[in-house]
Amino acid sequence: MSTPASLVCSAKGCRATAAYGIRWNNPKLHTPERRKVWLACEEHRDSLSEFLSIRGFLRDVVPVTELDADTT
């Protein structure tokens, strides 16, 4: 896995270091066990999570240190 300092927030235009992995899936496209990951800095964690939650896609939010190498 990349070091946490090299992980950048997924929010549009943000270049901050990511502190969280927002794991989600679209049940119309992905199998139930599949997890896509958006990275989030402290500032964008809530807005990115809310965006996914409203659509029913949010599964969980974890610190980047808990992400597997193949999910980032």
N, C-alpha and C. Protein backbone atom coordinates (compact mmCIF):
# COMPACT_ATOMS: atom_id res chain seq x y z
N MET A 1 0.84 -1.18 0.00
CA MET A 1 0.00 0.00 0.00
C MET A 1 0.88 1.24 0.00
N SER A 2 0.39 2.30 -0.57
CA SER A 2 1.10 3.56 -0.54
C SER A 2 1.17 4.07 0.88
N THR A 3 2.16 4.89 1.15
CA THR A 3 2.23 5.49 2.47
C THR A 3 1.12 6.51 2.61
N PRO A 4 0.58 6.70 3.81
CA PRO A 4 -0.53 7.64 3.98
C PRO A 4 -0.24 9.04 3.44
N ALA A 5 0.99 9.50 3.49
CA ALA A 5 1.32 10.84 2.99
C ALA A 5 1.14 10.95 1.49
N SER A 6 1.16 9.83 0.75
CA SER A 6 1.03 9.89 -0.70
C SER A 6 -0.42 9.71 -1.17
N LEU A 7 -1.35 9.51 -0.26
CA LEU A 7 -2.75 9.33 -0.60
C LEU A 7 -3.45 10.68 -0.58
N VAL A 8 -4.12 11.02 -1.69
CA VAL A 8 -4.74 12.33 -1.85
C VAL A 8 -6.26 12.21 -1.81
N CYS A 9 -6.90 13.17 -1.19
CA CYS A 9 -8.35 13.22 -1.09
C CYS A 9 -9.00 13.17 -2.47
N SER A 10 -10.12 12.46 -2.55
CA SER A 10 -10.86 12.30 -3.81
C SER A 10 -11.79 13.47 -4.13
N ALA A 11 -11.99 14.39 -3.20
CA ALA A 11 -12.89 15.52 -3.45
C ALA A 11 -12.33 16.39 -4.59
N LYS A 12 -13.21 16.86 -5.44
CA LYS A 12 -12.81 17.65 -6.61
C LYS A 12 -11.97 18.86 -6.18
N GLY A 13 -10.79 18.95 -6.75
CA GLY A 13 -9.90 20.08 -6.51
C GLY A 13 -9.10 20.02 -5.23
N CYS A 14 -9.34 19.03 -4.39
CA CYS A 14 -8.62 18.93 -3.12
C CYS A 14 -7.31 18.15 -3.33
N ARG A 15 -6.24 18.65 -2.77
CA ARG A 15 -4.95 17.98 -2.88
C ARG A 15 -4.42 17.59 -1.49
N ALA A 16 -5.30 17.65 -0.49
CA ALA A 16 -4.90 17.33 0.89
C ALA A 16 -4.64 15.83 1.04
N THR A 17 -3.84 15.50 2.01
CA THR A 17 -3.55 14.10 2.33
C THR A 17 -4.81 13.45 2.89
N ALA A 18 -5.12 12.28 2.37
CA ALA A 18 -6.30 11.54 2.81
C ALA A 18 -6.06 10.92 4.18
N ALA A 19 -7.06 10.99 5.01
CA ALA A 19 -7.01 10.37 6.33
C ALA A 19 -7.98 9.19 6.44
N TYR A 20 -8.95 9.14 5.51
CA TYR A 20 -10.00 8.12 5.57
C TYR A 20 -10.21 7.45 4.22
N GLY A 21 -10.64 6.21 4.28
CA GLY A 21 -11.10 5.49 3.10
C GLY A 21 -12.60 5.33 3.23
N ILE A 22 -13.33 5.82 2.23
CA ILE A 22 -14.78 5.71 2.23
C ILE A 22 -15.12 4.56 1.29
N ARG A 23 -15.57 3.46 1.87
CA ARG A 23 -15.84 2.25 1.08
C ARG A 23 -17.31 2.21 0.70
N TRP A 24 -17.55 1.92 -0.58
CA TRP A 24 -18.91 1.95 -1.10
C TRP A 24 -19.06 0.95 -2.22
N ASN A 25 -20.31 0.70 -2.61
CA ASN A 25 -20.58 -0.03 -3.84
C ASN A 25 -21.97 0.34 -4.34
N ASN A 26 -22.13 0.22 -5.62
CA ASN A 26 -23.41 0.46 -6.28
C ASN A 26 -24.03 -0.92 -6.49
N PRO A 27 -25.09 -1.26 -5.75
CA PRO A 27 -25.64 -2.61 -5.85
C PRO A 27 -26.18 -2.98 -7.23
N LYS A 28 -26.45 -1.98 -8.06
CA LYS A 28 -26.90 -2.29 -9.42
C LYS A 28 -25.74 -2.70 -10.32
N LEU A 29 -24.51 -2.34 -9.93
CA LEU A 29 -23.33 -2.64 -10.75
C LEU A 29 -22.36 -3.62 -10.13
N HIS A 30 -22.29 -3.66 -8.79
CA HIS A 30 -21.27 -4.43 -8.10
C HIS A 30 -21.88 -5.57 -7.29
N THR A 31 -21.13 -6.64 -7.15
CA THR A 31 -21.55 -7.72 -6.27
C THR A 31 -21.55 -7.22 -4.82
N PRO A 32 -22.33 -7.83 -3.94
CA PRO A 32 -22.44 -7.33 -2.56
C PRO A 32 -21.10 -7.19 -1.81
N GLU A 33 -20.15 -8.07 -2.08
CA GLU A 33 -18.88 -8.02 -1.37
C GLU A 33 -17.88 -7.02 -1.95
N ARG A 34 -18.13 -6.54 -3.15
CA ARG A 34 -17.21 -5.60 -3.81
C ARG A 34 -17.22 -4.25 -3.10
N ARG A 35 -16.04 -3.66 -2.93
CA ARG A 35 -15.94 -2.34 -2.33
C ARG A 35 -15.07 -1.43 -3.20
N LYS A 36 -15.64 -0.33 -3.59
CA LYS A 36 -14.90 0.74 -4.24
C LYS A 36 -14.45 1.67 -3.12
N VAL A 37 -13.40 2.46 -3.33
CA VAL A 37 -12.89 3.33 -2.28
C VAL A 37 -12.66 4.73 -2.80
N TRP A 38 -13.21 5.69 -2.09
CA TRP A 38 -12.84 7.09 -2.26
C TRP A 38 -11.99 7.46 -1.06
N LEU A 39 -11.00 8.27 -1.28
CA LEU A 39 -10.17 8.75 -0.18
C LEU A 39 -10.66 10.12 0.25
N ALA A 40 -10.56 10.40 1.54
CA ALA A 40 -11.07 11.68 2.04
C ALA A 40 -10.13 12.27 3.09
N CYS A 41 -9.96 13.58 3.01
CA CYS A 41 -9.25 14.30 4.06
C CYS A 41 -10.26 14.59 5.17
N GLU A 42 -9.80 15.13 6.26
CA GLU A 42 -10.67 15.45 7.39
C GLU A 42 -11.81 16.38 6.96
N GLU A 43 -11.51 17.38 6.14
CA GLU A 43 -12.50 18.37 5.71
C GLU A 43 -13.62 17.79 4.85
N HIS A 44 -13.29 16.81 3.99
CA HIS A 44 -14.27 16.29 3.03
C HIS A 44 -14.89 14.94 3.42
N ARG A 45 -14.50 14.39 4.55
CA ARG A 45 -15.03 13.09 4.96
C ARG A 45 -16.56 13.09 5.00
N ASP A 46 -17.14 14.08 5.66
CA ASP A 46 -18.60 14.10 5.82
C ASP A 46 -19.33 14.34 4.51
N SER A 47 -18.85 15.27 3.69
CA SER A 47 -19.56 15.57 2.44
C SER A 47 -19.50 14.41 1.45
N LEU A 48 -18.35 13.75 1.35
CA LEU A 48 -18.25 12.59 0.45
C LEU A 48 -19.09 11.42 0.97
N SER A 49 -19.06 11.21 2.27
CA SER A 49 -19.87 10.14 2.87
C SER A 49 -21.35 10.40 2.66
N GLU A 50 -21.77 11.64 2.86
CA GLU A 50 -23.19 11.99 2.69
C GLU A 50 -23.64 11.79 1.24
N PHE A 51 -22.80 12.18 0.29
CA PHE A 51 -23.11 12.01 -1.13
C PHE A 51 -23.42 10.54 -1.42
N LEU A 52 -22.58 9.66 -0.92
CA LEU A 52 -22.77 8.22 -1.16
C LEU A 52 -23.94 7.66 -0.36
N SER A 53 -24.11 8.13 0.85
CA SER A 53 -25.18 7.65 1.70
C SER A 53 -26.56 7.97 1.13
N ILE A 54 -26.73 9.17 0.62
CA ILE A 54 -28.00 9.58 0.02
C ILE A 54 -28.40 8.62 -1.11
N ARG A 55 -27.44 8.10 -1.82
CA ARG A 55 -27.69 7.19 -2.94
C ARG A 55 -27.77 5.73 -2.51
N GLY A 56 -27.52 5.47 -1.23
CA GLY A 56 -27.55 4.10 -0.73
C GLY A 56 -26.30 3.31 -1.06
N PHE A 57 -25.20 4.00 -1.38
CA PHE A 57 -23.96 3.33 -1.78
C PHE A 57 -22.95 3.19 -0.64
N LEU A 58 -23.03 4.00 0.40
CA LEU A 58 -22.04 4.00 1.47
C LEU A 58 -22.08 2.69 2.25
N ARG A 59 -20.91 2.10 2.46
CA ARG A 59 -20.81 0.87 3.25
C ARG A 59 -20.12 1.14 4.57
N ASP A 60 -18.94 1.80 4.55
CA ASP A 60 -18.28 2.18 5.80
C ASP A 60 -17.16 3.18 5.53
N VAL A 61 -16.67 3.77 6.62
CA VAL A 61 -15.57 4.73 6.56
C VAL A 61 -14.52 4.24 7.56
N VAL A 62 -13.29 4.13 7.08
CA VAL A 62 -12.20 3.63 7.93
C VAL A 62 -10.97 4.52 7.77
N PRO A 63 -10.07 4.52 8.75
CA PRO A 63 -8.81 5.23 8.57
C PRO A 63 -8.03 4.61 7.42
N VAL A 64 -7.24 5.41 6.71
CA VAL A 64 -6.49 4.88 5.56
C VAL A 64 -5.55 3.76 5.98
N THR A 65 -5.12 3.75 7.22
CA THR A 65 -4.22 2.69 7.69
C THR A 65 -4.89 1.33 7.72
N GLU A 66 -6.23 1.30 7.65
CA GLU A 66 -6.97 0.03 7.65
C GLU A 66 -7.33 -0.45 6.25
N LEU A 67 -6.97 0.29 5.23
CA LEU A 67 -7.27 -0.12 3.86
C LEU A 67 -6.29 -1.16 3.38
N ASP A 68 -6.78 -2.10 2.61
CA ASP A 68 -5.91 -3.10 1.99
C ASP A 68 -5.21 -2.46 0.79
N ALA A 69 -4.07 -2.98 0.43
CA ALA A 69 -3.30 -2.46 -0.69
C ALA A 69 -4.08 -2.49 -2.00
N ASP A 70 -4.94 -3.48 -2.19
CA ASP A 70 -5.66 -3.61 -3.45
C ASP A 70 -6.92 -2.75 -3.53
N THR A 71 -7.25 -1.98 -2.48
CA THR A 71 -8.45 -1.17 -2.53
C THR A 71 -8.17 0.31 -2.74
N THR A 72 -6.92 0.74 -2.71
CA THR A 72 -6.62 2.16 -2.88
C THR A 72 -6.21 2.48 -4.29
